[in-house]
Amino acid sequence: MNKERLIKEIKEIERKVEELKKSVPVHSPKVSMMQELEDLEEELETKKKMLEDIKSKQK
């Protein structure tokens, strides 16, 4: 995966996370929404690590 594509995917996941956080009710959030949020955050973290790996190899 190239750096530009990875950056694009990270931005898209960040956007999805923000949208989901805004839609989650403060009281009694649905389990499915919380699971989706957790999954997105894990994916985001993984892709950020991949990006860091790419950046460190380019130095």
C-alpha atoms as a PDB file:
ATOM      1  CA  MET A   1       0.000   0.000   0.000  1.00  0.00           C
ATOM      2  CA  ASN A   2       1.433   3.357  -0.935  1.00  0.00           C
ATOM      3  CA  LYS A   3       1.730   6.345   1.345  1.00  0.00           C
ATOM      4  CA  GLU A   4      -0.834   8.550  -0.434  1.00  0.00           C
ATOM      5  CA  ARG A   5      -3.502   5.857  -0.429  1.00  0.00           C
ATOM      6  CA  LEU A   6      -2.868   5.145   3.233  1.00  0.00           C
ATOM      7  CA  ILE A   7      -3.201   8.833   4.126  1.00  0.00           C
ATOM      8  CA  LYS A   8      -6.477   8.989   2.204  1.00  0.00           C
ATOM      9  CA  GLU A   9      -7.806   5.919   4.032  1.00  0.00           C
ATOM     10  CA  ILE A  10      -6.763   7.348   7.413  1.00  0.00           C
ATOM     11  CA  LYS A  11      -8.618  10.582   6.704  1.00  0.00           C
ATOM     12  CA  GLU A  12     -11.715   8.662   5.661  1.00  0.00           C
ATOM     13  CA  ILE A  13     -11.661   6.529   8.811  1.00  0.00           C
ATOM     14  CA  GLU A  14     -11.149   9.635  10.952  1.00  0.00           C
ATOM     15  CA  ARG A  15     -14.184  11.202   9.282  1.00  0.00           C
ATOM     16  CA  LYS A  16     -16.264   8.073   9.942  1.00  0.00           C
ATOM     17  CA  VAL A  17     -15.169   7.982  13.583  1.00  0.00           C
ATOM     18  CA  GLU A  18     -16.156  11.621  14.081  1.00  0.00           C
ATOM     19  CA  GLU A  19     -19.543  11.111  12.436  1.00  0.00           C
ATOM     20  CA  LEU A  20     -20.212   8.051  14.539  1.00  0.00           C
ATOM     21  CA  LYS A  21     -19.169   9.799  17.752  1.00  0.00           C
ATOM     22  CA  LYS A  22     -21.593  12.610  16.980  1.00  0.00           C
ATOM     23  CA  SER A  23     -24.443  10.168  16.395  1.00  0.00           C
ATOM     24  CA  VAL A  24     -23.901   8.014  19.492  1.00  0.00           C
ATOM     25  CA  PRO A  25     -26.399   8.988  22.176  1.00  0.00           C
ATOM     26  CA  VAL A  26     -24.834  10.033  25.463  1.00  0.00           C
ATOM     27  CA  HIS A  27     -27.270   7.878  27.382  1.00  0.00           C
ATOM     28  CA  SER A  28     -27.851   4.272  26.387  1.00  0.00           C
ATOM     29  CA  PRO A  29     -25.658   3.977  23.304  1.00  0.00           C
ATOM     30  CA  LYS A  30     -26.369   0.920  21.169  1.00  0.00           C
ATOM     31  CA  VAL A  31     -23.904  -1.909  21.489  1.00  0.00           C
ATOM     32  CA  SER A  32     -23.613  -2.126  17.703  1.00  0.00           C
ATOM     33  CA  MET A  33     -22.651   1.541  17.461  1.00  0.00           C
ATOM     34  CA  MET A  34     -20.042   1.186  20.164  1.00  0.00           C
ATOM     35  CA  GLN A  35     -18.640  -1.931  18.472  1.00  0.00           C
ATOM     36  CA  GLU A  36     -18.448  -0.139  15.143  1.00  0.00           C
ATOM     37  CA  LEU A  37     -16.668   2.772  16.796  1.00  0.00           C
ATOM     38  CA  GLU A  38     -14.187   0.450  18.460  1.00  0.00           C
ATOM     39  CA  ASP A  39     -13.556  -1.383  15.187  1.00  0.00           C
ATOM     40  CA  LEU A  40     -12.959   1.874  13.325  1.00  0.00           C
ATOM     41  CA  GLU A  41     -10.594   3.141  16.000  1.00  0.00           C
ATOM     42  CA  GLU A  42      -8.617  -0.105  15.853  1.00  0.00           C
ATOM     43  CA  GLU A  43      -8.421   0.097  12.068  1.00  0.00           C
ATOM     44  CA  LEU A  44      -7.333   3.714  12.329  1.00  0.00           C
ATOM     45  CA  GLU A  45      -4.570   2.838  14.764  1.00  0.00           C
ATOM     46  CA  THR A  46      -3.359   0.024  12.519  1.00  0.00           C
ATOM     47  CA  LYS A  47      -3.230   2.262   9.457  1.00  0.00           C
ATOM     48  CA  LYS A  48      -1.434   5.009  11.365  1.00  0.00           C
ATOM     49  CA  LYS A  49       1.218   2.491  12.406  1.00  0.00           C
ATOM     50  CA  MET A  50       1.546   1.365   8.797  1.00  0.00           C
ATOM     51  CA  LEU A  51       2.025   4.975   7.741  1.00  0.00           C
ATOM     52  CA  GLU A  52       4.700   5.489  10.382  1.00  0.00           C
ATOM     53  CA  ASP A  53       6.477   2.368   9.154  1.00  0.00           C
ATOM     54  CA  ILE A  54       6.427   3.702   5.600  1.00  0.00           C
ATOM     55  CA  LYS A  55       7.729   7.084   6.735  1.00  0.00           C
ATOM     56  CA  SER A  56      10.542   5.553   8.775  1.00  0.00           C
ATOM     57  CA  LYS A  57      11.650   3.390   5.831  1.00  0.00           C
ATOM     58  CA  GLN A  58      11.801   6.443   3.580  1.00  0.00           C
ATOM     59  CA  LYS A  59      14.304   8.222   5.839  1.00  0.00           C
END
